[in-house]
Amino acid sequence: MDIRRTLLLLMGGGGILPINLDFSAFGDGALPSPLTGATWTISGGSALNTPNPGTEIHDDGNAASDPAGNEADATTGWVEQSVTIASQGADKHTGSYALQGTVVGAGGGKRMEYSWASTTGMWYAVDGWMKRGTGTPTWTVWSNLRLSASVSAQAAWTEHKVTSRATGNPALMRVYISGDTNTGYLDNLSIKPLTTSELLAYVKARDANVICKAGWTITGNTEAGVFVRVDDPSNPQNGLIATHDGTNAALIKIVGGTTTSLIDTAAAYAAGADVEIRCSGNTVQLFYNGAQVGVDQTVSDVPYNGYHGMFSTDSRNTAASFELTAN
C-alpha cells in the first residue's frame, strides 16, 4: 500500500482505487491490507471465510438432534406427511438414535417435515447426515429459503451442508421418500443462523461508483461473491450483494435492513470465475464470468456508501483474487 492510501485510511477517508489483489502472492494468515474481515484468512494461496454459526435452532429433543446436546429417543418437532416417523437405534450415524421415515401407502408427497422461525434476509447453515434404507429419500431445503437444495441420500451415511438466505417465515425442510414402502434415515441435524457482518471482508473507498469483482471457486448450495455500497460492515443495513451458488447468479439490495431480490438467474458455473457488480449512479449491473446476467437495475434507494468487498457463507468457498476499481 502506498503512503497516500495509508494516510487516507488513517484519516477515515477511504482508500485510493484501484485495488488488485492476487491472493496466491500472500502467505497463510490474515487478509492482506486494505481488506478487513474478522473471520477471513488466506490459506494455500486463496482467501476464505469461516463464519461462526449462532445458537442451535434444531433444539427439539429428538433422534436426529446433536448427541452431545439434546438427542432423545423421540420424534419431537417433526411432522409426518404420508410417512411414519420413528426413533430407532439400529441404524444411526453417531449417538444412540436416528430418525427413520417409512412410507405409508401409495401416492406422492411422502415426506418428513421440520420448520423453524426464520428471519427474512438472514443466512442459515444447515448441516445433517442422511442415508437411504430402501428407495432413495431426498433432503430438500424447500420453503422460504432461497436455495431449494435437493440431494439424494446414499447407501452409506453422508453429510450434506447448505447455507441459504431466508426469504420468509417460517423456513421449512422436507425429507422426501420415494416408493410405497421405502425408508430413509436422518441424523445429527444442525440448523444455525449466520451473522451477516461475518460474511463480509471489506475495504473503505472514497468511490461509490465502482466495479467490484472476485474470482471464486464455490461449493454448491452455498453462496460467495462481492458487495458494494454497504453503510456499516459491522451492522449492514444498506448495500448491494452479488453471489453465485453453483447454479444461479443473484443480486440483492438491502435498504433499511430489508432485503430484496433484484436478479436470480441461471449462470453456468466455472471454477475461479469472477462474480462482479458494476455501479454507476443509480445503474447497477451483475456480471458472472465476464458476461452480464439479467438486465441493468435502477437502484435509487441504496445510499452511495463507501464499503465494498467480498462475501462468502462457507469455508469451502475460496477466492483467488479481488479487484476494486472506479467506474
C-alpha atoms as a PDB file:
ATOM      1  CA  MET A   1       0.000   0.000   0.000  1.00  0.00           C
ATOM      2  CA  ASP A   2       1.387   3.442  -0.925  1.00  0.00           C
ATOM      3  CA  ILE A   3       1.708   6.340   1.544  1.00  0.00           C
ATOM      4  CA  ARG A   4      -1.336   8.218   0.134  1.00  0.00           C
ATOM      5  CA  ARG A   5      -3.650   5.250   0.671  1.00  0.00           C
ATOM      6  CA  THR A   6      -2.247   4.678   4.169  1.00  0.00           C
ATOM      7  CA  LEU A   7      -2.830   8.305   5.171  1.00  0.00           C
ATOM      8  CA  LEU A   8      -6.373   8.323   3.777  1.00  0.00           C
ATOM      9  CA  LEU A   9      -7.286   5.175   5.673  1.00  0.00           C
ATOM     10  CA  LEU A  10      -5.815   6.571   8.896  1.00  0.00           C
ATOM     11  CA  MET A  11      -7.886   9.734   8.427  1.00  0.00           C
ATOM     12  CA  GLY A  12     -11.039   7.691   7.713  1.00  0.00           C
ATOM     13  CA  GLY A  13     -11.299   8.993   4.169  1.00  0.00           C
ATOM     14  CA  GLY A  14     -11.179   5.665   2.360  1.00  0.00           C
ATOM     15  CA  GLY A  15      -8.612   4.146   0.072  1.00  0.00           C
ATOM     16  CA  ILE A  16      -7.459   5.186  -3.372  1.00  0.00           C
ATOM     17  CA  LEU A  17      -8.531   2.893  -6.194  1.00  0.00           C
ATOM     18  CA  PRO A  18      -7.689   0.659  -7.955  1.00  0.00           C
ATOM     19  CA  ILE A  19      -7.122  -2.299  -5.618  1.00  0.00           C
ATOM     20  CA  ASN A  20      -5.988  -5.508  -7.295  1.00  0.00           C
ATOM     21  CA  LEU A  21      -5.105  -8.473  -5.089  1.00  0.00           C
ATOM     22  CA  ASP A  22      -3.827 -11.870  -6.224  1.00  0.00           C
ATOM     23  CA  PHE A  23      -4.097 -13.989  -3.087  1.00  0.00           C
ATOM     24  CA  SER A  24      -1.540 -16.534  -4.315  1.00  0.00           C
ATOM     25  CA  ALA A  25       1.101 -13.865  -3.634  1.00  0.00           C
ATOM     26  CA  PHE A  26       0.381 -13.925   0.113  1.00  0.00           C
ATOM     27  CA  GLY A  27       1.283 -16.427   2.804  1.00  0.00           C
ATOM     28  CA  ASP A  28      -1.169 -18.084   5.141  1.00  0.00           C
ATOM     29  CA  GLY A  29      -2.678 -15.797   7.760  1.00  0.00           C
ATOM     30  CA  ALA A  30      -4.777 -12.647   7.857  1.00  0.00           C
ATOM     31  CA  LEU A  31      -6.172 -10.977   4.750  1.00  0.00           C
ATOM     32  CA  PRO A  32      -3.767  -8.542   3.091  1.00  0.00           C
ATOM     33  CA  SER A  33      -4.325  -4.832   3.615  1.00  0.00           C
ATOM     34  CA  PRO A  34      -6.518  -2.987   2.864  1.00  0.00           C
ATOM     35  CA  LEU A  35      -9.082  -5.818   3.213  1.00  0.00           C
ATOM     36  CA  THR A  36     -10.509  -6.498   6.675  1.00  0.00           C
ATOM     37  CA  GLY A  37     -12.564  -9.480   7.798  1.00  0.00           C
ATOM     38  CA  ALA A  38     -12.609 -10.901  11.337  1.00  0.00           C
ATOM     39  CA  THR A  39     -13.369 -14.475  10.218  1.00  0.00           C
ATOM     40  CA  TRP A  40     -11.432 -14.344   6.937  1.00  0.00           C
ATOM     41  CA  THR A  41      -7.959 -15.737   6.243  1.00  0.00           C
ATOM     42  CA  ILE A  42      -5.510 -16.602   3.500  1.00  0.00           C
ATOM     43  CA  SER A  43      -4.885 -20.345   3.205  1.00  0.00           C
ATOM     44  CA  GLY A  44      -2.988 -22.109   0.448  1.00  0.00           C
ATOM     45  CA  GLY A  45      -2.959 -19.040  -1.786  1.00  0.00           C
ATOM     46  CA  SER A  46      -6.702 -18.338  -1.554  1.00  0.00           C
ATOM     47  CA  ALA A  47      -8.963 -16.199   0.612  1.00  0.00           C
ATOM     48  CA  LEU A  48     -11.679 -17.966   2.572  1.00  0.00           C
ATOM     49  CA  ASN A  49     -14.205 -17.217   5.274  1.00  0.00           C
ATOM     50  CA  THR A  50     -15.032 -19.348   8.309  1.00  0.00           C
ATOM     51  CA  PRO A  51     -18.064 -17.694   9.913  1.00  0.00           C
ATOM     52  CA  ASN A  52     -19.096 -18.620  13.440  1.00  0.00           C
ATOM     53  CA  PRO A  53     -22.659 -20.018  13.404  1.00  0.00           C
ATOM     54  CA  GLY A  54     -25.037 -18.839  16.084  1.00  0.00           C
ATOM     55  CA  THR A  55     -27.232 -20.715  18.550  1.00  0.00           C
ATOM     56  CA  GLU A  56     -28.687 -24.076  17.561  1.00  0.00           C
ATOM     57  CA  ILE A  57     -32.214 -23.824  16.130  1.00  0.00           C
ATOM     58  CA  HIS A  58     -32.889 -27.573  15.794  1.00  0.00           C
ATOM     59  CA  ASP A  59     -33.164 -27.706  19.571  1.00  0.00           C
ATOM     60  CA  ASP A  60     -36.081 -30.136  19.901  1.00  0.00           C
ATOM     61  CA  GLY A  61     -35.032 -33.255  21.733  1.00  0.00           C
ATOM     62  CA  ASN A  62     -35.324 -35.962  19.085  1.00  0.00           C
ATOM     63  CA  ALA A  63     -33.423 -38.815  17.460  1.00  0.00           C
ATOM     64  CA  ALA A  64     -31.803 -36.555  14.831  1.00  0.00           C
ATOM     65  CA  SER A  65     -30.531 -33.987  17.355  1.00  0.00           C
ATOM     66  CA  ASP A  66     -26.916 -33.459  18.404  1.00  0.00           C
ATOM     67  CA  PRO A  67     -25.757 -36.430  20.536  1.00  0.00           C
ATOM     68  CA  ALA A  68     -23.567 -34.006  22.518  1.00  0.00           C
ATOM     69  CA  GLY A  69     -26.581 -31.814  23.202  1.00  0.00           C
ATOM     70  CA  ASN A  70     -30.232 -32.782  23.275  1.00  0.00           C
ATOM     71  CA  GLU A  71     -30.531 -36.122  21.452  1.00  0.00           C
ATOM     72  CA  ALA A  72     -33.552 -38.089  22.688  1.00  0.00           C
ATOM     73  CA  ASP A  73     -35.475 -41.235  21.854  1.00  0.00           C
ATOM     74  CA  ALA A  74     -38.295 -39.199  20.307  1.00  0.00           C
ATOM     75  CA  THR A  75     -39.549 -37.547  17.100  1.00  0.00           C
ATOM     76  CA  THR A  76     -40.376 -34.177  18.679  1.00  0.00           C
ATOM     77  CA  GLY A  77     -40.665 -31.291  16.192  1.00  0.00           C
ATOM     78  CA  TRP A  78     -41.045 -33.466  13.095  1.00  0.00           C
ATOM     79  CA  VAL A  79     -44.291 -33.731  11.128  1.00  0.00           C
ATOM     80  CA  GLU A  80     -45.445 -36.797   9.175  1.00  0.00           C
ATOM     81  CA  GLN A  81     -46.818 -36.455   5.647  1.00  0.00           C
ATOM     82  CA  SER A  82     -47.805 -39.928   4.334  1.00  0.00           C
ATOM     83  CA  VAL A  83     -44.901 -41.447   6.252  1.00  0.00           C
ATOM     84  CA  THR A  84     -44.406 -42.867   9.706  1.00  0.00           C
ATOM     85  CA  ILE A  85     -41.544 -41.233  11.617  1.00  0.00           C
ATOM     86  CA  ALA A  86     -39.812 -43.289  14.276  1.00  0.00           C
ATOM     87  CA  SER A  87     -36.822 -43.006  16.584  1.00  0.00           C
ATOM     88  CA  GLN A  88     -34.567 -46.048  16.281  1.00  0.00           C
ATOM     89  CA  GLY A  89     -31.020 -47.017  17.260  1.00  0.00           C
ATOM     90  CA  ALA A  90     -30.215 -49.900  14.929  1.00  0.00           C
ATOM     91  CA  ASP A  91     -29.037 -47.658  12.072  1.00  0.00           C
ATOM     92  CA  LYS A  92     -27.515 -44.322  13.090  1.00  0.00           C
ATOM     93  CA  HIS A  93     -24.582 -42.056  12.244  1.00  0.00           C
ATOM     94  CA  THR A  94     -23.412 -41.151  15.756  1.00  0.00           C
ATOM     95  CA  GLY A  95     -25.017 -41.088  19.163  1.00  0.00           C
ATOM     96  CA  SER A  96     -27.730 -43.512  20.212  1.00  0.00           C
ATOM     97  CA  TYR A  97     -30.589 -42.779  17.795  1.00  0.00           C
ATOM     98  CA  ALA A  98     -31.557 -41.596  14.306  1.00  0.00           C
ATOM     99  CA  LEU A  99     -34.867 -40.709  12.692  1.00  0.00           C
ATOM    100  CA  GLN A 100     -36.396 -43.254  10.316  1.00  0.00           C
ATOM    101  CA  GLY A 101     -39.142 -42.374   7.868  1.00  0.00           C
ATOM    102  CA  THR A 102     -41.238 -45.187   6.380  1.00  0.00           C
ATOM    103  CA  VAL A 103     -43.686 -44.571   3.531  1.00  0.00           C
ATOM    104  CA  VAL A 104     -47.319 -45.331   4.239  1.00  0.00           C
ATOM    105  CA  GLY A 105     -49.240 -46.370   1.097  1.00  0.00           C
ATOM    106  CA  ALA A 106     -49.217 -45.111  -2.480  1.00  0.00           C
ATOM    107  CA  GLY A 107     -49.307 -41.540  -3.770  1.00  0.00           C
ATOM    108  CA  GLY A 108     -46.979 -38.571  -3.931  1.00  0.00           C
ATOM    109  CA  GLY A 109     -45.643 -36.017  -1.455  1.00  0.00           C
ATOM    110  CA  LYS A 110     -44.429 -38.548   1.099  1.00  0.00           C
ATOM    111  CA  ARG A 111     -42.086 -36.751   3.449  1.00  0.00           C
ATOM    112  CA  MET A 112     -40.849 -35.793   6.895  1.00  0.00           C
ATOM    113  CA  GLU A 113     -41.025 -32.053   7.675  1.00  0.00           C
ATOM    114  CA  TYR A 114     -39.320 -29.702  10.099  1.00  0.00           C
ATOM    115  CA  SER A 115     -39.922 -25.924  10.319  1.00  0.00           C
ATOM    116  CA  TRP A 116     -38.332 -23.104  12.274  1.00  0.00           C
ATOM    117  CA  ALA A 117     -38.964 -19.410  12.885  1.00  0.00           C
ATOM    118  CA  SER A 118     -36.708 -17.715  10.328  1.00  0.00           C
ATOM    119  CA  THR A 119     -35.731 -14.066   9.919  1.00  0.00           C
ATOM    120  CA  THR A 120     -36.151 -12.815   6.359  1.00  0.00           C
ATOM    121  CA  GLY A 121     -32.800 -11.774   4.915  1.00  0.00           C
ATOM    122  CA  MET A 122     -30.725 -13.855   7.356  1.00  0.00           C
ATOM    123  CA  TRP A 123     -28.474 -16.664   6.148  1.00  0.00           C
ATOM    124  CA  TYR A 124     -28.732 -20.090   7.793  1.00  0.00           C
ATOM    125  CA  ALA A 125     -26.289 -23.002   7.895  1.00  0.00           C
ATOM    126  CA  VAL A 126     -27.994 -26.413   7.686  1.00  0.00           C
ATOM    127  CA  ASP A 127     -25.819 -29.489   8.279  1.00  0.00           C
ATOM    128  CA  GLY A 128     -27.059 -33.060   8.568  1.00  0.00           C
ATOM    129  CA  TRP A 129     -26.389 -36.710   7.751  1.00  0.00           C
ATOM    130  CA  MET A 130     -28.633 -38.870   5.575  1.00  0.00           C
ATOM    131  CA  LYS A 131     -28.808 -42.458   4.450  1.00  0.00           C
ATOM    132  CA  ARG A 132     -31.259 -44.365   2.308  1.00  0.00           C
ATOM    133  CA  GLY A 133     -32.794 -47.601   3.503  1.00  0.00           C
ATOM    134  CA  THR A 134     -34.958 -48.881   0.716  1.00  0.00           C
ATOM    135  CA  GLY A 135     -35.703 -46.371  -2.001  1.00  0.00           C
ATOM    136  CA  THR A 136     -33.975 -43.008  -2.284  1.00  0.00           C
ATOM    137  CA  PRO A 137     -35.083 -40.277   0.131  1.00  0.00           C
ATOM    138  CA  THR A 138     -34.123 -36.746  -0.861  1.00  0.00           C
ATOM    139  CA  TRP A 139     -33.243 -33.993   1.592  1.00  0.00           C
ATOM    140  CA  THR A 140     -34.705 -30.702   0.377  1.00  0.00           C
ATOM    141  CA  VAL A 141     -34.430 -27.225   1.866  1.00  0.00           C
ATOM    142  CA  TRP A 142     -37.732 -26.144   0.484  1.00  0.00           C
ATOM    143  CA  SER A 143     -39.905 -23.310   1.712  1.00  0.00           C
ATOM    144  CA  ASN A 144     -38.972 -19.688   2.487  1.00  0.00           C
ATOM    145  CA  LEU A 145     -35.285 -20.286   1.761  1.00  0.00           C
ATOM    146  CA  ARG A 146     -33.651 -19.038  -1.421  1.00  0.00           C
ATOM    147  CA  LEU A 147     -31.870 -22.318  -2.207  1.00  0.00           C
ATOM    148  CA  SER A 148     -34.190 -25.288  -2.717  1.00  0.00           C
ATOM    149  CA  ALA A 149     -31.237 -27.608  -2.336  1.00  0.00           C
ATOM    150  CA  SER A 150     -32.067 -31.215  -3.223  1.00  0.00           C
ATOM    151  CA  VAL A 151     -29.569 -34.002  -2.647  1.00  0.00           C
ATOM    152  CA  SER A 152     -30.143 -37.755  -2.957  1.00  0.00           C
ATOM    153  CA  ALA A 153     -29.242 -39.895   0.023  1.00  0.00           C
ATOM    154  CA  GLN A 154     -26.537 -42.516  -0.432  1.00  0.00           C
ATOM    155  CA  ALA A 155     -26.287 -46.150   0.653  1.00  0.00           C
ATOM    156  CA  ALA A 156     -23.856 -45.071   3.407  1.00  0.00           C
ATOM    157  CA  TRP A 157     -24.273 -42.212   5.855  1.00  0.00           C
ATOM    158  CA  THR A 158     -23.332 -38.984   4.024  1.00  0.00           C
ATOM    159  CA  GLU A 159     -23.070 -35.410   5.306  1.00  0.00           C
ATOM    160  CA  HIS A 160     -24.938 -32.652   3.462  1.00  0.00           C
ATOM    161  CA  LYS A 161     -24.428 -28.921   4.045  1.00  0.00           C
ATOM    162  CA  VAL A 162     -26.452 -25.964   2.802  1.00  0.00           C
ATOM    163  CA  THR A 163     -26.155 -22.242   3.544  1.00  0.00           C
ATOM    164  CA  SER A 164     -29.187 -20.304   2.382  1.00  0.00           C
ATOM    165  CA  ARG A 165     -30.869 -16.935   2.880  1.00  0.00           C
ATOM    166  CA  ALA A 166     -34.379 -16.873   4.322  1.00  0.00           C
ATOM    167  CA  THR A 167     -36.955 -15.270   2.025  1.00  0.00           C
ATOM    168  CA  GLY A 168     -39.839 -15.591   4.503  1.00  0.00           C
ATOM    169  CA  ASN A 169     -41.039 -17.169   7.736  1.00  0.00           C
ATOM    170  CA  PRO A 170     -41.186 -19.968   8.738  1.00  0.00           C
ATOM    171  CA  ALA A 171     -38.458 -21.887   6.929  1.00  0.00           C
ATOM    172  CA  LEU A 172     -39.396 -25.479   6.125  1.00  0.00           C
ATOM    173  CA  MET A 173     -37.204 -28.522   5.428  1.00  0.00           C
ATOM    174  CA  ARG A 174     -38.705 -31.615   3.827  1.00  0.00           C
ATOM    175  CA  VAL A 175     -37.202 -35.089   3.519  1.00  0.00           C
ATOM    176  CA  TYR A 176     -38.997 -36.882   0.708  1.00  0.00           C
ATOM    177  CA  ILE A 177     -39.039 -40.675   0.462  1.00  0.00           C
ATOM    178  CA  SER A 178     -39.948 -42.400  -2.801  1.00  0.00           C
ATOM    179  CA  GLY A 179     -41.970 -45.561  -3.418  1.00  0.00           C
ATOM    180  CA  ASP A 180     -44.813 -47.140  -1.463  1.00  0.00           C
ATOM    181  CA  THR A 181     -42.950 -48.898   1.377  1.00  0.00           C
ATOM    182  CA  ASN A 182     -39.470 -47.344   1.278  1.00  0.00           C
ATOM    183  CA  THR A 183     -37.430 -45.954   4.184  1.00  0.00           C
ATOM    184  CA  GLY A 184     -34.897 -43.206   4.787  1.00  0.00           C
ATOM    185  CA  TYR A 185     -32.783 -42.031   7.719  1.00  0.00           C
ATOM    186  CA  LEU A 186     -31.699 -38.634   9.084  1.00  0.00           C
ATOM    187  CA  ASP A 187     -29.240 -37.934  11.902  1.00  0.00           C
ATOM    188  CA  ASN A 188     -27.167 -35.209  13.585  1.00  0.00           C
ATOM    189  CA  LEU A 189     -29.102 -32.314  12.062  1.00  0.00           C
ATOM    190  CA  SER A 190     -27.936 -28.789  12.916  1.00  0.00           C
ATOM    191  CA  ILE A 191     -29.589 -25.520  11.876  1.00  0.00           C
ATOM    192  CA  LYS A 192     -27.837 -22.308  12.912  1.00  0.00           C
ATOM    193  CA  PRO A 193     -28.066 -18.632  11.876  1.00  0.00           C
ATOM    194  CA  LEU A 194     -25.101 -16.832  10.363  1.00  0.00           C
ATOM    195  CA  THR A 195     -24.175 -13.273  11.334  1.00  0.00           C
ATOM    196  CA  THR A 196     -24.216 -11.132   8.173  1.00  0.00           C
ATOM    197  CA  SER A 197     -21.280  -8.972   9.272  1.00  0.00           C
ATOM    198  CA  GLU A 198     -19.085 -12.096   9.475  1.00  0.00           C
ATOM    199  CA  LEU A 199     -19.851 -12.878   5.825  1.00  0.00           C
ATOM    200  CA  LEU A 200     -18.109  -9.673   4.670  1.00  0.00           C
ATOM    201  CA  ALA A 201     -14.450  -8.838   4.004  1.00  0.00           C
ATOM    202  CA  TYR A 202     -14.343  -5.138   3.306  1.00  0.00           C
ATOM    203  CA  VAL A 203     -12.350  -2.098   2.309  1.00  0.00           C
ATOM    204  CA  LYS A 204     -13.370   1.532   2.668  1.00  0.00           C
ATOM    205  CA  ALA A 205     -13.049   3.571  -0.522  1.00  0.00           C
ATOM    206  CA  ARG A 206     -13.853   7.154  -1.447  1.00  0.00           C
ATOM    207  CA  ASP A 207     -15.714   5.987  -4.548  1.00  0.00           C
ATOM    208  CA  ALA A 208     -19.302   4.670  -4.615  1.00  0.00           C
ATOM    209  CA  ASN A 209     -19.281   4.223  -8.410  1.00  0.00           C
ATOM    210  CA  VAL A 210     -17.145   1.105  -8.651  1.00  0.00           C
ATOM    211  CA  ILE A 211     -16.527  -2.212 -10.374  1.00  0.00           C
ATOM    212  CA  CYS A 212     -16.068  -4.872  -7.717  1.00  0.00           C
ATOM    213  CA  LYS A 213     -15.213  -8.481  -8.530  1.00  0.00           C
ATOM    214  CA  ALA A 214     -13.650 -11.612  -7.050  1.00  0.00           C
ATOM    215  CA  GLY A 215     -12.683 -14.941  -8.622  1.00  0.00           C
ATOM    216  CA  TRP A 216     -14.467 -17.691  -6.693  1.00  0.00           C
ATOM    217  CA  THR A 217     -14.400 -21.472  -6.563  1.00  0.00           C
ATOM    218  CA  ILE A 218     -17.754 -22.281  -4.978  1.00  0.00           C
ATOM    219  CA  THR A 219     -19.236 -25.333  -3.272  1.00  0.00           C
ATOM    220  CA  GLY A 220     -22.782 -25.945  -4.498  1.00  0.00           C
ATOM    221  CA  ASN A 221     -25.657 -24.935  -2.216  1.00  0.00           C
ATOM    222  CA  THR A 222     -23.562 -22.187  -0.616  1.00  0.00           C
ATOM    223  CA  GLU A 223     -23.026 -18.581  -1.731  1.00  0.00           C
ATOM    224  CA  ALA A 224     -19.973 -16.466  -2.486  1.00  0.00           C
ATOM    225  CA  GLY A 225     -19.425 -13.200  -4.321  1.00  0.00           C
ATOM    226  CA  VAL A 226     -18.925  -9.481  -3.723  1.00  0.00           C
ATOM    227  CA  PHE A 227     -20.744  -6.482  -2.248  1.00  0.00           C
ATOM    228  CA  VAL A 228     -20.753  -2.710  -2.748  1.00  0.00           C
ATOM    229  CA  ARG A 229     -22.106   0.444  -1.130  1.00  0.00           C
ATOM    230  CA  VAL A 230     -22.521  -1.068   2.333  1.00  0.00           C
ATOM    231  CA  ASP A 231     -23.063   1.521   5.052  1.00  0.00           C
ATOM    232  CA  ASP A 232     -21.627  -0.301   8.063  1.00  0.00           C
ATOM    233  CA  PRO A 233     -19.867  -3.670   7.679  1.00  0.00           C
ATOM    234  CA  SER A 234     -20.327  -4.359  11.395  1.00  0.00           C
ATOM    235  CA  ASN A 235     -24.115  -3.984  11.039  1.00  0.00           C
ATOM    236  CA  PRO A 236     -25.048  -3.732   7.362  1.00  0.00           C
ATOM    237  CA  GLN A 237     -28.408  -2.027   6.853  1.00  0.00           C
ATOM    238  CA  ASN A 238     -27.894  -0.802   3.287  1.00  0.00           C
ATOM    239  CA  GLY A 239     -25.933  -2.170   0.340  1.00  0.00           C
ATOM    240  CA  LEU A 240     -25.827  -4.469  -2.679  1.00  0.00           C
ATOM    241  CA  ILE A 241     -24.638  -8.101  -2.690  1.00  0.00           C
ATOM    242  CA  ALA A 242     -23.906 -10.306  -5.720  1.00  0.00           C
ATOM    243  CA  THR A 243     -23.401 -14.054  -5.345  1.00  0.00           C
ATOM    244  CA  HIS A 244     -23.206 -17.364  -7.174  1.00  0.00           C
ATOM    245  CA  ASP A 245     -24.342 -20.646  -5.603  1.00  0.00           C
ATOM    246  CA  GLY A 246     -23.016 -23.151  -8.135  1.00  0.00           C
ATOM    247  CA  THR A 247     -26.153 -22.803 -10.277  1.00  0.00           C
ATOM    248  CA  ASN A 248     -27.548 -19.259 -10.215  1.00  0.00           C
ATOM    249  CA  ALA A 249     -26.083 -15.779 -10.092  1.00  0.00           C
ATOM    250  CA  ALA A 250     -28.024 -13.428  -7.816  1.00  0.00           C
ATOM    251  CA  LEU A 251     -28.140  -9.747  -6.934  1.00  0.00           C
ATOM    252  CA  ILE A 252     -29.894  -8.400  -3.835  1.00  0.00           C
ATOM    253  CA  LYS A 253     -30.252  -4.979  -2.300  1.00  0.00           C
ATOM    254  CA  ILE A 254     -30.541  -4.163   1.395  1.00  0.00           C
ATOM    255  CA  VAL A 255     -32.440  -0.981   2.245  1.00  0.00           C
ATOM    256  CA  GLY A 256     -33.020  -0.101   5.865  1.00  0.00           C
ATOM    257  CA  GLY A 257     -32.299  -3.701   6.830  1.00  0.00           C
ATOM    258  CA  THR A 258     -34.849  -5.160   4.388  1.00  0.00           C
ATOM    259  CA  THR A 259     -33.534  -7.494   1.684  1.00  0.00           C
ATOM    260  CA  THR A 260     -34.996  -7.508  -1.846  1.00  0.00           C
ATOM    261  CA  SER A 261     -34.042  -9.826  -4.703  1.00  0.00           C
ATOM    262  CA  LEU A 262     -33.224  -7.995  -7.936  1.00  0.00           C
ATOM    263  CA  ILE A 263     -31.774 -10.807 -10.099  1.00  0.00           C
ATOM    264  CA  ASP A 264     -31.705 -14.579  -9.563  1.00  0.00           C
ATOM    265  CA  THR A 265     -30.866 -16.316 -12.842  1.00  0.00           C
ATOM    266  CA  ALA A 266     -29.085 -19.466 -14.017  1.00  0.00           C
ATOM    267  CA  ALA A 267     -25.455 -18.772 -14.986  1.00  0.00           C
ATOM    268  CA  ALA A 268     -23.185 -21.694 -15.912  1.00  0.00           C
ATOM    269  CA  TYR A 269     -20.706 -22.226 -13.101  1.00  0.00           C
ATOM    270  CA  ALA A 270     -16.965 -22.130 -13.772  1.00  0.00           C
ATOM    271  CA  ALA A 271     -14.379 -22.653 -11.037  1.00  0.00           C
ATOM    272  CA  GLY A 272     -12.462 -19.441 -10.383  1.00  0.00           C
ATOM    273  CA  ALA A 273     -14.822 -17.236 -12.415  1.00  0.00           C
ATOM    274  CA  ASP A 274     -15.432 -13.649 -11.337  1.00  0.00           C
ATOM    275  CA  VAL A 275     -18.606 -12.605  -9.554  1.00  0.00           C
ATOM    276  CA  GLU A 276     -18.905  -8.906 -10.363  1.00  0.00           C
ATOM    277  CA  ILE A 277     -21.001  -5.817  -9.623  1.00  0.00           C
ATOM    278  CA  ARG A 278     -20.746  -2.632 -11.672  1.00  0.00           C
ATOM    279  CA  CYS A 279     -22.239   0.570 -10.242  1.00  0.00           C
ATOM    280  CA  SER A 280     -22.600   3.913 -11.966  1.00  0.00           C
ATOM    281  CA  GLY A 281     -25.021   6.343 -10.370  1.00  0.00           C
ATOM    282  CA  ASN A 282     -28.329   4.521  -9.972  1.00  0.00           C
ATOM    283  CA  THR A 283     -27.447   1.874 -12.566  1.00  0.00           C
ATOM    284  CA  VAL A 284     -26.293  -1.478 -11.175  1.00  0.00           C
ATOM    285  CA  GLN A 285     -25.182  -4.455 -13.284  1.00  0.00           C
ATOM    286  CA  LEU A 286     -24.462  -8.077 -12.348  1.00  0.00           C
ATOM    287  CA  PHE A 287     -21.755  -9.995 -14.231  1.00  0.00           C
ATOM    288  CA  TYR A 288     -20.570 -13.580 -13.938  1.00  0.00           C
ATOM    289  CA  ASN A 289     -17.532 -14.972 -15.760  1.00  0.00           C
ATOM    290  CA  GLY A 290     -17.326 -11.800 -17.843  1.00  0.00           C
ATOM    291  CA  ALA A 291     -20.928 -11.876 -19.104  1.00  0.00           C
ATOM    292  CA  GLN A 292     -23.820  -9.762 -17.874  1.00  0.00           C
ATOM    293  CA  VAL A 293     -26.537 -11.661 -16.006  1.00  0.00           C
ATOM    294  CA  GLY A 294     -30.032 -10.216 -16.187  1.00  0.00           C
ATOM    295  CA  VAL A 295     -30.656  -6.618 -17.182  1.00  0.00           C
ATOM    296  CA  ASP A 296     -29.481  -3.287 -15.809  1.00  0.00           C
ATOM    297  CA  GLN A 297     -31.105  -2.453 -12.474  1.00  0.00           C
ATOM    298  CA  THR A 298     -32.096   1.059 -11.441  1.00  0.00           C
ATOM    299  CA  VAL A 299     -31.379   1.332  -7.715  1.00  0.00           C
ATOM    300  CA  SER A 300     -32.060   4.755  -6.220  1.00  0.00           C
ATOM    301  CA  ASP A 301     -32.743   3.760  -2.612  1.00  0.00           C
ATOM    302  CA  VAL A 302     -29.312   2.387  -1.647  1.00  0.00           C
ATOM    303  CA  PRO A 303     -27.179   5.324  -0.465  1.00  0.00           C
ATOM    304  CA  TYR A 304     -23.761   5.870  -2.035  1.00  0.00           C
ATOM    305  CA  ASN A 305     -21.818   4.308   0.815  1.00  0.00           C
ATOM    306  CA  GLY A 306     -18.111   3.519   0.590  1.00  0.00           C
ATOM    307  CA  TYR A 307     -17.632  -0.012   1.926  1.00  0.00           C
ATOM    308  CA  HIS A 308     -17.055  -2.678  -0.731  1.00  0.00           C
ATOM    309  CA  GLY A 309     -15.599  -6.170  -0.662  1.00  0.00           C
ATOM    310  CA  MET A 310     -16.043  -9.947  -0.739  1.00  0.00           C
ATOM    311  CA  PHE A 311     -18.849 -12.171   0.541  1.00  0.00           C
ATOM    312  CA  SER A 312     -18.947 -15.875   1.471  1.00  0.00           C
ATOM    313  CA  THR A 313     -21.183 -18.099   3.607  1.00  0.00           C
ATOM    314  CA  ASP A 314     -18.977 -21.211   3.798  1.00  0.00           C
ATOM    315  CA  SER A 315     -15.314 -22.037   4.470  1.00  0.00           C
ATOM    316  CA  ARG A 316     -15.209 -24.404   1.481  1.00  0.00           C
ATOM    317  CA  ASN A 317     -15.501 -21.447  -0.913  1.00  0.00           C
ATOM    318  CA  THR A 318     -12.154 -19.986  -1.989  1.00  0.00           C
ATOM    319  CA  ALA A 319     -11.276 -16.734  -3.766  1.00  0.00           C
ATOM    320  CA  ALA A 320      -8.180 -16.425  -5.938  1.00  0.00           C
ATOM    321  CA  SER A 321      -8.389 -12.675  -6.497  1.00  0.00           C
ATOM    322  CA  PHE A 322     -10.145  -9.433  -5.642  1.00  0.00           C
ATOM    323  CA  GLU A 323     -10.381  -6.238  -7.719  1.00  0.00           C
ATOM    324  CA  LEU A 324     -11.969  -2.897  -6.955  1.00  0.00           C
ATOM    325  CA  THR A 325     -11.790  -0.077  -9.479  1.00  0.00           C
ATOM    326  CA  ALA A 326     -13.580   3.224 -10.019  1.00  0.00           C
ATOM    327  CA  ASN A 327     -16.327   3.090 -12.643  1.00  0.00           C
END
